[in-house]
Amino acid sequence: MKSPRAQRTRALTEGALLAALTIVLYVADIYTKLLLYVIPVPVAILVIRNGARTGAIATAVSALGVSLILGPIDGLIVLVRVGFIGTALGALLARKRPWLITLAGTSAASLAAFISDFLLVSWSTGLSPGAMVAKVQETFVEAGQRTMELYQKMGVPQESLGLVKQMTEAMPVWFKTFLPAVLAIGAVFSAAIAYAAARWILIRMKRDVEPIPAFADWRIDWRWAWGLIGALLLAYAIPSVDLGFARTLATNVIAVYVMIYAVQGIAVLWSVLGSMGVPKGLRAVIAVFLYLTPTLNWLLPMTGLLDGWLDFRKLMSRA
């Protein structure tokens, strides 16, 4: 057994190495735009191996190093992003929480990091949060105008151009309306990548990691649907009551539910196609086709919702 001094020396050595790796990842992301979601992973591994205190020191060192290279704003972003996500992910994995709890906790930390990043950029640019959102909306409008010009040069028919124009004009409104849902879904996506990367590393380090159920076996309990029912009632079934922000929140909750049930629908589809011997590559193509086809994509969330009551896979096994 190693002495306390040897353990401290090892912790400091690993902390220095992983802090340096965090700095390299963040600087490299400026040029690659591919590494943003794995930047917190080194600190998460450090927290698992040496505790939250060593992770906090490494986070501070990483932020200081990035500040010296790129400036204080980037240093603050690293401090927030790595501190929130890396520490939360590392602590949950170290305590061997169930994978769904770990993903949910890391998603909450990721959402807090997203909001902090937004406020930091708002403060650094001198624009209010409302002005920042308006600026993003203007970007959507400009992108839509460029798309329209490109389609006109390509000789796209007027009927199709009219449809594209309607979509581009609606995009800024959709963005503002569904911004909370976009942030929540983005936070889950970010947390899932960080969790998958940390889990992959831990498995190769021969650490004990809870197995994740096969995607084809994922299932959402029917009781989750009560939240969707409540949001639907609040958003659409009481039109005579002006609930303001509450109705906007309910609309975003519905959007998140649609995404969750779409993933569940894909899991059902994945299982059914797998039982029919369809190769994984073709299964992925079919799922993407259904999700991206406007006349068919409603099938996925509807399947996911109904699966909570009917359990399609169990029904098929009995057939």
C-alpha atoms as a PDB file:
ATOM      1  CA  MET A   1       0.000   0.000   0.000  1.00  0.00           C
ATOM      2  CA  LYS A   2       1.340   3.419  -0.947  1.00  0.00           C
ATOM      3  CA  SER A   3       2.123   5.952   1.774  1.00  0.00           C
ATOM      4  CA  PRO A   4       0.003   9.161   2.030  1.00  0.00           C
ATOM      5  CA  ARG A   5       2.957  11.160   0.718  1.00  0.00           C
ATOM      6  CA  ALA A   6       3.297   8.906  -2.330  1.00  0.00           C
ATOM      7  CA  GLN A   7      -0.439   9.182  -2.976  1.00  0.00           C
ATOM      8  CA  ARG A   8      -0.284  12.990  -2.800  1.00  0.00           C
ATOM      9  CA  THR A   9       2.680  13.014  -5.157  1.00  0.00           C
ATOM     10  CA  ARG A  10       0.818  10.783  -7.614  1.00  0.00           C
ATOM     11  CA  ALA A  11      -2.300  12.951  -7.374  1.00  0.00           C
ATOM     12  CA  LEU A  12      -0.320  16.136  -8.057  1.00  0.00           C
ATOM     13  CA  THR A  13       1.517  14.525 -10.968  1.00  0.00           C
ATOM     14  CA  GLU A  14      -1.698  13.261 -12.547  1.00  0.00           C
ATOM     15  CA  GLY A  15      -3.355  16.605 -11.879  1.00  0.00           C
ATOM     16  CA  ALA A  16      -0.587  18.487 -13.672  1.00  0.00           C
ATOM     17  CA  LEU A  17      -0.678  16.120 -16.659  1.00  0.00           C
ATOM     18  CA  LEU A  18      -4.460  16.194 -17.015  1.00  0.00           C
ATOM     19  CA  ALA A  19      -4.592  19.969 -16.538  1.00  0.00           C
ATOM     20  CA  ALA A  20      -2.090  20.290 -19.383  1.00  0.00           C
ATOM     21  CA  LEU A  21      -4.213  17.921 -21.482  1.00  0.00           C
ATOM     22  CA  THR A  22      -7.298  20.054 -20.779  1.00  0.00           C
ATOM     23  CA  ILE A  23      -5.458  23.171 -21.977  1.00  0.00           C
ATOM     24  CA  VAL A  24      -4.311  21.389 -25.148  1.00  0.00           C
ATOM     25  CA  LEU A  25      -7.842  20.135 -25.858  1.00  0.00           C
ATOM     26  CA  TYR A  26      -9.379  23.592 -25.443  1.00  0.00           C
ATOM     27  CA  VAL A  27      -6.774  25.326 -27.626  1.00  0.00           C
ATOM     28  CA  ALA A  28      -7.065  22.575 -30.250  1.00  0.00           C
ATOM     29  CA  ASP A  29     -10.854  22.996 -30.274  1.00  0.00           C
ATOM     30  CA  ILE A  30     -10.401  26.588 -31.458  1.00  0.00           C
ATOM     31  CA  TYR A  31      -9.116  25.139 -34.733  1.00  0.00           C
ATOM     32  CA  THR A  32     -10.865  21.767 -34.985  1.00  0.00           C
ATOM     33  CA  LYS A  33     -14.329  22.530 -33.462  1.00  0.00           C
ATOM     34  CA  LEU A  34     -14.543  18.816 -32.600  1.00  0.00           C
ATOM     35  CA  LEU A  35     -13.254  18.589 -29.034  1.00  0.00           C
ATOM     36  CA  LEU A  36     -15.574  20.891 -27.073  1.00  0.00           C
ATOM     37  CA  TYR A  37     -17.615  18.096 -25.508  1.00  0.00           C
ATOM     38  CA  VAL A  38     -14.659  16.028 -24.274  1.00  0.00           C
ATOM     39  CA  ILE A  39     -12.754  18.916 -22.656  1.00  0.00           C
ATOM     40  CA  PRO A  40     -14.191  18.123 -19.164  1.00  0.00           C
ATOM     41  CA  VAL A  41     -13.284  14.420 -19.394  1.00  0.00           C
ATOM     42  CA  PRO A  42      -9.646  14.616 -18.110  1.00  0.00           C
ATOM     43  CA  VAL A  43     -10.784  16.380 -14.930  1.00  0.00           C
ATOM     44  CA  ALA A  44     -13.624  13.859 -14.526  1.00  0.00           C
ATOM     45  CA  ILE A  45     -11.065  11.018 -14.624  1.00  0.00           C
ATOM     46  CA  LEU A  46      -8.903  12.918 -12.135  1.00  0.00           C
ATOM     47  CA  VAL A  47     -11.838  13.314  -9.733  1.00  0.00           C
ATOM     48  CA  ILE A  48     -12.545   9.574  -9.948  1.00  0.00           C
ATOM     49  CA  ARG A  49      -8.939   8.652  -9.203  1.00  0.00           C
ATOM     50  CA  ASN A  50      -7.936  11.354  -6.720  1.00  0.00           C
ATOM     51  CA  GLY A  51     -11.001  13.158  -5.421  1.00  0.00           C
ATOM     52  CA  ALA A  52     -12.826  16.444  -6.000  1.00  0.00           C
ATOM     53  CA  ARG A  53     -10.121  18.575  -4.341  1.00  0.00           C
ATOM     54  CA  THR A  54      -7.460  17.508  -6.848  1.00  0.00           C
ATOM     55  CA  GLY A  55      -9.991  17.988  -9.650  1.00  0.00           C
ATOM     56  CA  ALA A  56     -10.737  21.531  -8.468  1.00  0.00           C
ATOM     57  CA  ILE A  57      -7.022  22.396  -8.392  1.00  0.00           C
ATOM     58  CA  ALA A  58      -6.526  20.990 -11.903  1.00  0.00           C
ATOM     59  CA  THR A  59      -9.559  22.963 -13.137  1.00  0.00           C
ATOM     60  CA  ALA A  60      -8.126  26.200 -11.736  1.00  0.00           C
ATOM     61  CA  VAL A  61      -4.720  25.472 -13.298  1.00  0.00           C
ATOM     62  CA  SER A  62      -6.357  24.693 -16.650  1.00  0.00           C
ATOM     63  CA  ALA A  63      -8.340  27.938 -16.553  1.00  0.00           C
ATOM     64  CA  LEU A  64      -5.218  29.923 -15.681  1.00  0.00           C
ATOM     65  CA  GLY A  65      -3.260  28.304 -18.504  1.00  0.00           C
ATOM     66  CA  VAL A  66      -5.974  29.011 -21.072  1.00  0.00           C
ATOM     67  CA  SER A  67      -6.227  32.602 -19.797  1.00  0.00           C
ATOM     68  CA  LEU A  68      -2.522  33.126 -20.416  1.00  0.00           C
ATOM     69  CA  ILE A  69      -2.799  31.722 -23.956  1.00  0.00           C
ATOM     70  CA  LEU A  70      -6.188  32.960 -25.199  1.00  0.00           C
ATOM     71  CA  GLY A  71      -7.363  35.542 -22.690  1.00  0.00           C
ATOM     72  CA  PRO A  72      -9.460  35.765 -19.506  1.00  0.00           C
ATOM     73  CA  ILE A  73     -12.853  35.103 -21.143  1.00  0.00           C
ATOM     74  CA  ASP A  74     -11.707  31.732 -22.487  1.00  0.00           C
ATOM     75  CA  GLY A  75     -10.189  31.014 -19.091  1.00  0.00           C
ATOM     76  CA  LEU A  76     -13.517  31.682 -17.396  1.00  0.00           C
ATOM     77  CA  ILE A  77     -15.277  29.440 -19.919  1.00  0.00           C
ATOM     78  CA  VAL A  78     -12.868  26.610 -19.096  1.00  0.00           C
ATOM     79  CA  LEU A  79     -13.291  27.241 -15.364  1.00  0.00           C
ATOM     80  CA  VAL A  80     -17.087  27.009 -15.644  1.00  0.00           C
ATOM     81  CA  ARG A  81     -17.359  24.221 -18.228  1.00  0.00           C
ATOM     82  CA  VAL A  82     -14.677  21.949 -16.777  1.00  0.00           C
ATOM     83  CA  GLY A  83     -15.580  22.811 -13.191  1.00  0.00           C
ATOM     84  CA  PHE A  84     -19.285  22.093 -13.609  1.00  0.00           C
ATOM     85  CA  ILE A  85     -19.321  19.164 -16.036  1.00  0.00           C
ATOM     86  CA  GLY A  86     -16.012  17.503 -15.182  1.00  0.00           C
ATOM     87  CA  THR A  87     -16.560  17.627 -11.429  1.00  0.00           C
ATOM     88  CA  ALA A  88     -20.183  16.456 -11.632  1.00  0.00           C
ATOM     89  CA  LEU A  89     -19.390  13.608 -14.024  1.00  0.00           C
ATOM     90  CA  GLY A  90     -16.352  12.495 -12.034  1.00  0.00           C
ATOM     91  CA  ALA A  91     -18.175  12.589  -8.691  1.00  0.00           C
ATOM     92  CA  LEU A  92     -21.157  10.609 -10.000  1.00  0.00           C
ATOM     93  CA  LEU A  93     -18.948   7.986 -11.637  1.00  0.00           C
ATOM     94  CA  ALA A  94     -16.759   7.744  -8.537  1.00  0.00           C
ATOM     95  CA  ARG A  95     -19.837   7.041  -6.406  1.00  0.00           C
ATOM     96  CA  LYS A  96     -21.001   4.465  -8.991  1.00  0.00           C
ATOM     97  CA  ARG A  97     -24.422   5.997  -9.428  1.00  0.00           C
ATOM     98  CA  PRO A  98     -26.780   4.335 -11.955  1.00  0.00           C
ATOM     99  CA  TRP A  99     -25.977   5.382 -15.507  1.00  0.00           C
ATOM    100  CA  LEU A 100     -29.261   7.249 -15.949  1.00  0.00           C
ATOM    101  CA  ILE A 101     -28.681   9.253 -12.733  1.00  0.00           C
ATOM    102  CA  THR A 102     -25.137  10.014 -13.876  1.00  0.00           C
ATOM    103  CA  LEU A 103     -26.339  11.190 -17.270  1.00  0.00           C
ATOM    104  CA  ALA A 104     -29.115  13.318 -15.721  1.00  0.00           C
ATOM    105  CA  GLY A 105     -26.747  14.948 -13.212  1.00  0.00           C
ATOM    106  CA  THR A 106     -24.140  15.634 -15.867  1.00  0.00           C
ATOM    107  CA  SER A 107     -26.851  17.062 -18.153  1.00  0.00           C
ATOM    108  CA  ALA A 108     -27.904  19.472 -15.399  1.00  0.00           C
ATOM    109  CA  ALA A 109     -24.278  20.555 -14.970  1.00  0.00           C
ATOM    110  CA  SER A 110     -23.951  20.926 -18.744  1.00  0.00           C
ATOM    111  CA  LEU A 111     -27.070  23.099 -18.878  1.00  0.00           C
ATOM    112  CA  ALA A 112     -25.658  25.303 -16.115  1.00  0.00           C
ATOM    113  CA  ALA A 113     -22.404  25.575 -18.104  1.00  0.00           C
ATOM    114  CA  PHE A 114     -24.314  26.525 -21.286  1.00  0.00           C
ATOM    115  CA  ILE A 115     -26.182  29.293 -19.470  1.00  0.00           C
ATOM    116  CA  SER A 116     -22.971  30.534 -17.836  1.00  0.00           C
ATOM    117  CA  ASP A 117     -21.182  30.551 -21.213  1.00  0.00           C
ATOM    118  CA  PHE A 118     -24.058  32.559 -22.713  1.00  0.00           C
ATOM    119  CA  LEU A 119     -23.952  35.099 -19.882  1.00  0.00           C
ATOM    120  CA  LEU A 120     -20.149  35.370 -20.124  1.00  0.00           C
ATOM    121  CA  VAL A 121     -20.329  36.065 -23.860  1.00  0.00           C
ATOM    122  CA  SER A 122     -23.130  38.561 -23.235  1.00  0.00           C
ATOM    123  CA  TRP A 123     -21.044  40.345 -20.621  1.00  0.00           C
ATOM    124  CA  SER A 124     -17.865  40.331 -22.729  1.00  0.00           C
ATOM    125  CA  THR A 125     -19.630  41.762 -25.799  1.00  0.00           C
ATOM    126  CA  GLY A 126     -21.617  44.342 -23.859  1.00  0.00           C
ATOM    127  CA  LEU A 127     -24.919  42.986 -25.205  1.00  0.00           C
ATOM    128  CA  SER A 128     -27.883  42.073 -23.034  1.00  0.00           C
ATOM    129  CA  PRO A 129     -29.129  38.461 -23.185  1.00  0.00           C
ATOM    130  CA  GLY A 130     -32.155  39.671 -25.152  1.00  0.00           C
ATOM    131  CA  ALA A 131     -29.897  41.433 -27.649  1.00  0.00           C
ATOM    132  CA  MET A 132     -27.805  38.271 -27.976  1.00  0.00           C
ATOM    133  CA  VAL A 133     -30.900  36.249 -28.858  1.00  0.00           C
ATOM    134  CA  ALA A 134     -31.948  38.938 -31.360  1.00  0.00           C
ATOM    135  CA  LYS A 135     -28.493  38.779 -32.941  1.00  0.00           C
ATOM    136  CA  VAL A 136     -28.806  35.020 -33.399  1.00  0.00           C
ATOM    137  CA  GLN A 137     -32.234  35.560 -34.958  1.00  0.00           C
ATOM    138  CA  GLU A 138     -30.698  38.050 -37.407  1.00  0.00           C
ATOM    139  CA  THR A 139     -28.147  35.379 -38.334  1.00  0.00           C
ATOM    140  CA  PHE A 140     -31.005  32.996 -39.162  1.00  0.00           C
ATOM    141  CA  VAL A 141     -32.637  35.667 -41.348  1.00  0.00           C
ATOM    142  CA  GLU A 142     -29.382  36.362 -43.233  1.00  0.00           C
ATOM    143  CA  ALA A 143     -28.770  32.625 -43.722  1.00  0.00           C
ATOM    144  CA  GLY A 144     -32.307  32.246 -45.067  1.00  0.00           C
ATOM    145  CA  GLN A 145     -31.824  35.096 -47.519  1.00  0.00           C
ATOM    146  CA  ARG A 146     -28.592  33.562 -48.808  1.00  0.00           C
ATOM    147  CA  THR A 147     -30.350  30.203 -49.184  1.00  0.00           C
ATOM    148  CA  MET A 148     -33.163  31.834 -51.183  1.00  0.00           C
ATOM    149  CA  GLU A 149     -30.653  33.557 -53.486  1.00  0.00           C
ATOM    150  CA  LEU A 150     -28.812  30.270 -54.039  1.00  0.00           C
ATOM    151  CA  TYR A 151     -32.041  28.407 -54.862  1.00  0.00           C
ATOM    152  CA  GLN A 152     -33.087  31.169 -57.290  1.00  0.00           C
ATOM    153  CA  LYS A 153     -29.774  30.865 -59.122  1.00  0.00           C
ATOM    154  CA  MET A 154     -30.264  27.100 -59.307  1.00  0.00           C
ATOM    155  CA  GLY A 155     -33.668  27.589 -60.941  1.00  0.00           C
ATOM    156  CA  VAL A 156     -35.763  26.035 -58.190  1.00  0.00           C
ATOM    157  CA  PRO A 157     -39.532  26.272 -58.983  1.00  0.00           C
ATOM    158  CA  GLN A 158     -41.504  29.146 -57.416  1.00  0.00           C
ATOM    159  CA  GLU A 159     -43.718  26.801 -55.379  1.00  0.00           C
ATOM    160  CA  SER A 160     -40.683  25.277 -53.690  1.00  0.00           C
ATOM    161  CA  LEU A 161     -39.178  28.729 -53.184  1.00  0.00           C
ATOM    162  CA  GLY A 162     -42.352  29.831 -51.430  1.00  0.00           C
ATOM    163  CA  LEU A 163     -42.139  26.888 -49.029  1.00  0.00           C
ATOM    164  CA  VAL A 164     -38.458  27.594 -48.317  1.00  0.00           C
ATOM    165  CA  LYS A 165     -39.279  31.274 -47.716  1.00  0.00           C
ATOM    166  CA  GLN A 166     -41.975  30.375 -45.198  1.00  0.00           C
ATOM    167  CA  MET A 167     -39.596  28.067 -43.345  1.00  0.00           C
ATOM    168  CA  THR A 168     -36.756  30.616 -43.236  1.00  0.00           C
ATOM    169  CA  GLU A 169     -39.106  33.346 -42.024  1.00  0.00           C
ATOM    170  CA  ALA A 170     -40.447  31.100 -39.278  1.00  0.00           C
ATOM    171  CA  MET A 171     -36.994  29.911 -38.136  1.00  0.00           C
ATOM    172  CA  PRO A 172     -36.134  33.005 -35.989  1.00  0.00           C
ATOM    173  CA  VAL A 173     -39.516  32.755 -34.238  1.00  0.00           C
ATOM    174  CA  TRP A 174     -39.055  29.027 -33.663  1.00  0.00           C
ATOM    175  CA  PHE A 175     -35.588  29.628 -32.258  1.00  0.00           C
ATOM    176  CA  LYS A 176     -36.801  32.192 -29.729  1.00  0.00           C
ATOM    177  CA  THR A 177     -39.829  30.096 -28.744  1.00  0.00           C
ATOM    178  CA  PHE A 178     -37.970  26.815 -28.348  1.00  0.00           C
ATOM    179  CA  LEU A 179     -34.649  28.150 -27.008  1.00  0.00           C
ATOM    180  CA  PRO A 180     -35.095  26.473 -23.581  1.00  0.00           C
ATOM    181  CA  ALA A 181     -35.805  23.119 -25.260  1.00  0.00           C
ATOM    182  CA  VAL A 182     -32.806  23.566 -27.570  1.00  0.00           C
ATOM    183  CA  LEU A 183     -30.576  24.253 -24.557  1.00  0.00           C
ATOM    184  CA  ALA A 184     -31.942  21.261 -22.621  1.00  0.00           C
ATOM    185  CA  ILE A 185     -31.531  18.836 -25.532  1.00  0.00           C
ATOM    186  CA  GLY A 186     -28.064  20.252 -26.267  1.00  0.00           C
ATOM    187  CA  ALA A 187     -27.091  19.772 -22.622  1.00  0.00           C
ATOM    188  CA  VAL A 188     -28.118  16.105 -22.729  1.00  0.00           C
ATOM    189  CA  PHE A 189     -26.219  15.644 -25.995  1.00  0.00           C
ATOM    190  CA  SER A 190     -23.100  17.264 -24.502  1.00  0.00           C
ATOM    191  CA  ALA A 191     -23.354  15.202 -21.313  1.00  0.00           C
ATOM    192  CA  ALA A 192     -23.858  11.972 -23.272  1.00  0.00           C
ATOM    193  CA  ILE A 193     -20.647  12.528 -25.264  1.00  0.00           C
ATOM    194  CA  ALA A 194     -18.633  13.346 -22.132  1.00  0.00           C
ATOM    195  CA  TYR A 195     -20.100  10.347 -20.287  1.00  0.00           C
ATOM    196  CA  ALA A 196     -19.419   7.981 -23.193  1.00  0.00           C
ATOM    197  CA  ALA A 197     -15.816   9.217 -23.497  1.00  0.00           C
ATOM    198  CA  ALA A 198     -15.159   8.914 -19.742  1.00  0.00           C
ATOM    199  CA  ARG A 199     -16.747   5.491 -19.643  1.00  0.00           C
ATOM    200  CA  TRP A 200     -14.643   4.314 -22.616  1.00  0.00           C
ATOM    201  CA  ILE A 201     -11.456   5.452 -20.851  1.00  0.00           C
ATOM    202  CA  LEU A 202     -12.419   3.860 -17.529  1.00  0.00           C
ATOM    203  CA  ILE A 203     -13.147   0.507 -19.179  1.00  0.00           C
ATOM    204  CA  ARG A 204      -9.671   0.543 -20.740  1.00  0.00           C
ATOM    205  CA  MET A 205      -8.209   1.427 -17.343  1.00  0.00           C
ATOM    206  CA  LYS A 206      -9.854  -1.782 -16.010  1.00  0.00           C
ATOM    207  CA  ARG A 207     -12.149   0.205 -13.709  1.00  0.00           C
ATOM    208  CA  ASP A 208     -15.507  -1.169 -12.620  1.00  0.00           C
ATOM    209  CA  VAL A 209     -18.159   0.647 -14.692  1.00  0.00           C
ATOM    210  CA  GLU A 210     -21.898  -0.044 -14.642  1.00  0.00           C
ATOM    211  CA  PRO A 211     -23.036  -1.609 -17.925  1.00  0.00           C
ATOM    212  CA  ILE A 212     -25.580   0.325 -20.005  1.00  0.00           C
ATOM    213  CA  PRO A 213     -28.583  -1.671 -21.271  1.00  0.00           C
ATOM    214  CA  ALA A 214     -28.577  -2.377 -24.999  1.00  0.00           C
ATOM    215  CA  PHE A 215     -30.283   0.413 -26.953  1.00  0.00           C
ATOM    216  CA  ALA A 216     -32.878  -2.037 -28.262  1.00  0.00           C
ATOM    217  CA  ASP A 217     -33.968  -2.712 -24.640  1.00  0.00           C
ATOM    218  CA  TRP A 218     -34.530   0.926 -23.638  1.00  0.00           C
ATOM    219  CA  ARG A 219     -38.049   1.588 -22.414  1.00  0.00           C
ATOM    220  CA  ILE A 220     -39.796   4.537 -20.744  1.00  0.00           C
ATOM    221  CA  ASP A 221     -42.366   3.798 -18.061  1.00  0.00           C
ATOM    222  CA  TRP A 222     -45.921   4.892 -18.916  1.00  0.00           C
ATOM    223  CA  ARG A 223     -46.084   7.189 -15.859  1.00  0.00           C
ATOM    224  CA  TRP A 224     -43.714   9.638 -17.557  1.00  0.00           C
ATOM    225  CA  ALA A 225     -46.581  10.505 -19.910  1.00  0.00           C
ATOM    226  CA  TRP A 226     -48.365  12.429 -17.138  1.00  0.00           C
ATOM    227  CA  GLY A 227     -45.823  15.219 -17.529  1.00  0.00           C
ATOM    228  CA  LEU A 228     -46.608  15.423 -21.246  1.00  0.00           C
ATOM    229  CA  ILE A 229     -50.354  15.422 -20.557  1.00  0.00           C
ATOM    230  CA  GLY A 230     -49.972  18.255 -18.053  1.00  0.00           C
ATOM    231  CA  ALA A 231     -47.869  20.298 -20.483  1.00  0.00           C
ATOM    232  CA  LEU A 232     -50.399  19.761 -23.282  1.00  0.00           C
ATOM    233  CA  LEU A 233     -53.245  20.939 -21.054  1.00  0.00           C
ATOM    234  CA  LEU A 234     -51.293  24.000 -19.978  1.00  0.00           C
ATOM    235  CA  ALA A 235     -50.180  24.939 -23.479  1.00  0.00           C
ATOM    236  CA  TYR A 236     -53.225  24.204 -25.614  1.00  0.00           C
ATOM    237  CA  ALA A 237     -56.307  23.139 -23.675  1.00  0.00           C
ATOM    238  CA  ILE A 238     -56.730  26.367 -21.688  1.00  0.00           C
ATOM    239  CA  PRO A 239     -56.523  29.039 -24.437  1.00  0.00           C
ATOM    240  CA  SER A 240     -58.761  31.497 -22.599  1.00  0.00           C
ATOM    241  CA  VAL A 241     -56.269  31.910 -19.734  1.00  0.00           C
ATOM    242  CA  ASP A 242     -53.238  34.112 -20.379  1.00  0.00           C
ATOM    243  CA  LEU A 243     -50.484  32.166 -18.635  1.00  0.00           C
ATOM    244  CA  GLY A 244     -47.595  33.919 -20.410  1.00  0.00           C
ATOM    245  CA  PHE A 245     -44.286  32.374 -19.457  1.00  0.00           C
ATOM    246  CA  ALA A 246     -45.944  29.227 -18.099  1.00  0.00           C
ATOM    247  CA  ARG A 247     -47.418  28.420 -21.515  1.00  0.00           C
ATOM    248  CA  THR A 248     -44.042  29.018 -23.213  1.00  0.00           C
ATOM    249  CA  LEU A 249     -42.408  26.701 -20.693  1.00  0.00           C
ATOM    250  CA  ALA A 250     -45.093  24.075 -21.334  1.00  0.00           C
ATOM    251  CA  THR A 251     -44.468  24.311 -25.095  1.00  0.00           C
ATOM    252  CA  ASN A 252     -40.768  23.656 -24.507  1.00  0.00           C
ATOM    253  CA  VAL A 253     -41.548  20.730 -22.208  1.00  0.00           C
ATOM    254  CA  ILE A 254     -43.636  19.237 -25.017  1.00  0.00           C
ATOM    255  CA  ALA A 255     -40.747  19.678 -27.449  1.00  0.00           C
ATOM    256  CA  VAL A 256     -38.391  17.845 -25.073  1.00  0.00           C
ATOM    257  CA  TYR A 257     -40.935  15.059 -24.594  1.00  0.00           C
ATOM    258  CA  VAL A 258     -41.276  14.686 -28.380  1.00  0.00           C
ATOM    259  CA  MET A 259     -37.504  14.223 -28.644  1.00  0.00           C
ATOM    260  CA  ILE A 260     -37.428  11.723 -25.769  1.00  0.00           C
ATOM    261  CA  TYR A 261     -40.257   9.668 -27.233  1.00  0.00           C
ATOM    262  CA  ALA A 262     -38.669   9.858 -30.692  1.00  0.00           C
ATOM    263  CA  VAL A 263     -35.523   8.255 -29.245  1.00  0.00           C
ATOM    264  CA  GLN A 264     -37.719   5.646 -27.558  1.00  0.00           C
ATOM    265  CA  GLY A 265     -39.488   5.022 -30.876  1.00  0.00           C
ATOM    266  CA  ILE A 266     -36.136   4.492 -32.563  1.00  0.00           C
ATOM    267  CA  ALA A 267     -35.222   1.999 -29.819  1.00  0.00           C
ATOM    268  CA  VAL A 268     -38.421   0.050 -30.553  1.00  0.00           C
ATOM    269  CA  LEU A 269     -37.699   0.179 -34.287  1.00  0.00           C
ATOM    270  CA  TRP A 270     -34.103  -0.927 -33.655  1.00  0.00           C
ATOM    271  CA  SER A 271     -35.297  -3.923 -31.651  1.00  0.00           C
ATOM    272  CA  VAL A 272     -37.964  -4.958 -34.170  1.00  0.00           C
ATOM    273  CA  LEU A 273     -35.624  -4.675 -37.148  1.00  0.00           C
ATOM    274  CA  GLY A 274     -32.925  -6.527 -35.215  1.00  0.00           C
ATOM    275  CA  SER A 275     -35.289  -9.413 -34.529  1.00  0.00           C
ATOM    276  CA  MET A 276     -35.892  -9.557 -38.284  1.00  0.00           C
ATOM    277  CA  GLY A 277     -32.162  -9.870 -38.942  1.00  0.00           C
ATOM    278  CA  VAL A 278     -31.755  -6.415 -40.510  1.00  0.00           C
ATOM    279  CA  PRO A 279     -28.082  -5.277 -40.376  1.00  0.00           C
ATOM    280  CA  LYS A 280     -27.254  -2.357 -38.061  1.00  0.00           C
ATOM    281  CA  GLY A 281     -26.207  -0.105 -40.937  1.00  0.00           C
ATOM    282  CA  LEU A 282     -29.541  -0.540 -42.699  1.00  0.00           C
ATOM    283  CA  ARG A 283     -31.384  -0.057 -39.394  1.00  0.00           C
ATOM    284  CA  ALA A 284     -29.631   3.285 -38.959  1.00  0.00           C
ATOM    285  CA  VAL A 285     -30.542   4.338 -42.518  1.00  0.00           C
ATOM    286  CA  ILE A 286     -34.210   3.454 -41.942  1.00  0.00           C
ATOM    287  CA  ALA A 287     -34.312   5.337 -38.628  1.00  0.00           C
ATOM    288  CA  VAL A 288     -32.731   8.464 -40.146  1.00  0.00           C
ATOM    289  CA  PHE A 289     -35.103   8.281 -43.127  1.00  0.00           C
ATOM    290  CA  LEU A 290     -38.151   8.108 -40.859  1.00  0.00           C
ATOM    291  CA  TYR A 291     -36.881  10.907 -38.619  1.00  0.00           C
ATOM    292  CA  LEU A 292     -36.133  13.269 -41.512  1.00  0.00           C
ATOM    293  CA  THR A 293     -39.277  12.594 -43.571  1.00  0.00           C
ATOM    294  CA  PRO A 294     -41.982  15.132 -42.548  1.00  0.00           C
ATOM    295  CA  THR A 295     -44.901  12.842 -43.431  1.00  0.00           C
ATOM    296  CA  LEU A 296     -43.482   9.933 -41.421  1.00  0.00           C
ATOM    297  CA  ASN A 297     -41.441  11.355 -38.535  1.00  0.00           C
ATOM    298  CA  TRP A 298     -44.504  11.581 -36.257  1.00  0.00           C
ATOM    299  CA  LEU A 299     -44.488   7.765 -36.189  1.00  0.00           C
ATOM    300  CA  LEU A 300     -41.360   7.640 -34.003  1.00  0.00           C
ATOM    301  CA  PRO A 301     -42.540   9.717 -30.996  1.00  0.00           C
ATOM    302  CA  MET A 302     -46.015   8.162 -31.240  1.00  0.00           C
ATOM    303  CA  THR A 303     -44.471   4.685 -31.130  1.00  0.00           C
ATOM    304  CA  GLY A 304     -42.322   5.660 -28.162  1.00  0.00           C
ATOM    305  CA  LEU A 305     -45.325   7.072 -26.301  1.00  0.00           C
ATOM    306  CA  LEU A 306     -47.551   4.042 -26.920  1.00  0.00           C
ATOM    307  CA  ASP A 307     -44.739   1.642 -26.038  1.00  0.00           C
ATOM    308  CA  GLY A 308     -45.038   2.782 -22.413  1.00  0.00           C
ATOM    309  CA  TRP A 309     -48.456   1.103 -22.262  1.00  0.00           C
ATOM    310  CA  LEU A 310     -48.307  -1.587 -24.936  1.00  0.00           C
ATOM    311  CA  ASP A 311     -44.649  -2.742 -24.785  1.00  0.00           C
ATOM    312  CA  PHE A 312     -44.408  -3.605 -28.482  1.00  0.00           C
ATOM    313  CA  ARG A 313     -41.348  -5.795 -28.046  1.00  0.00           C
ATOM    314  CA  LYS A 314     -43.110  -7.971 -25.489  1.00  0.00           C
ATOM    315  CA  LEU A 315     -46.129  -8.249 -27.764  1.00  0.00           C
ATOM    316  CA  MET A 316     -43.902  -9.343 -30.655  1.00  0.00           C
ATOM    317  CA  SER A 317     -42.175 -11.962 -28.518  1.00  0.00           C
ATOM    318  CA  ARG A 318     -45.586 -13.508 -27.763  1.00  0.00           C
ATOM    319  CA  ALA A 319     -46.668 -13.522 -31.413  1.00  0.00           C
END
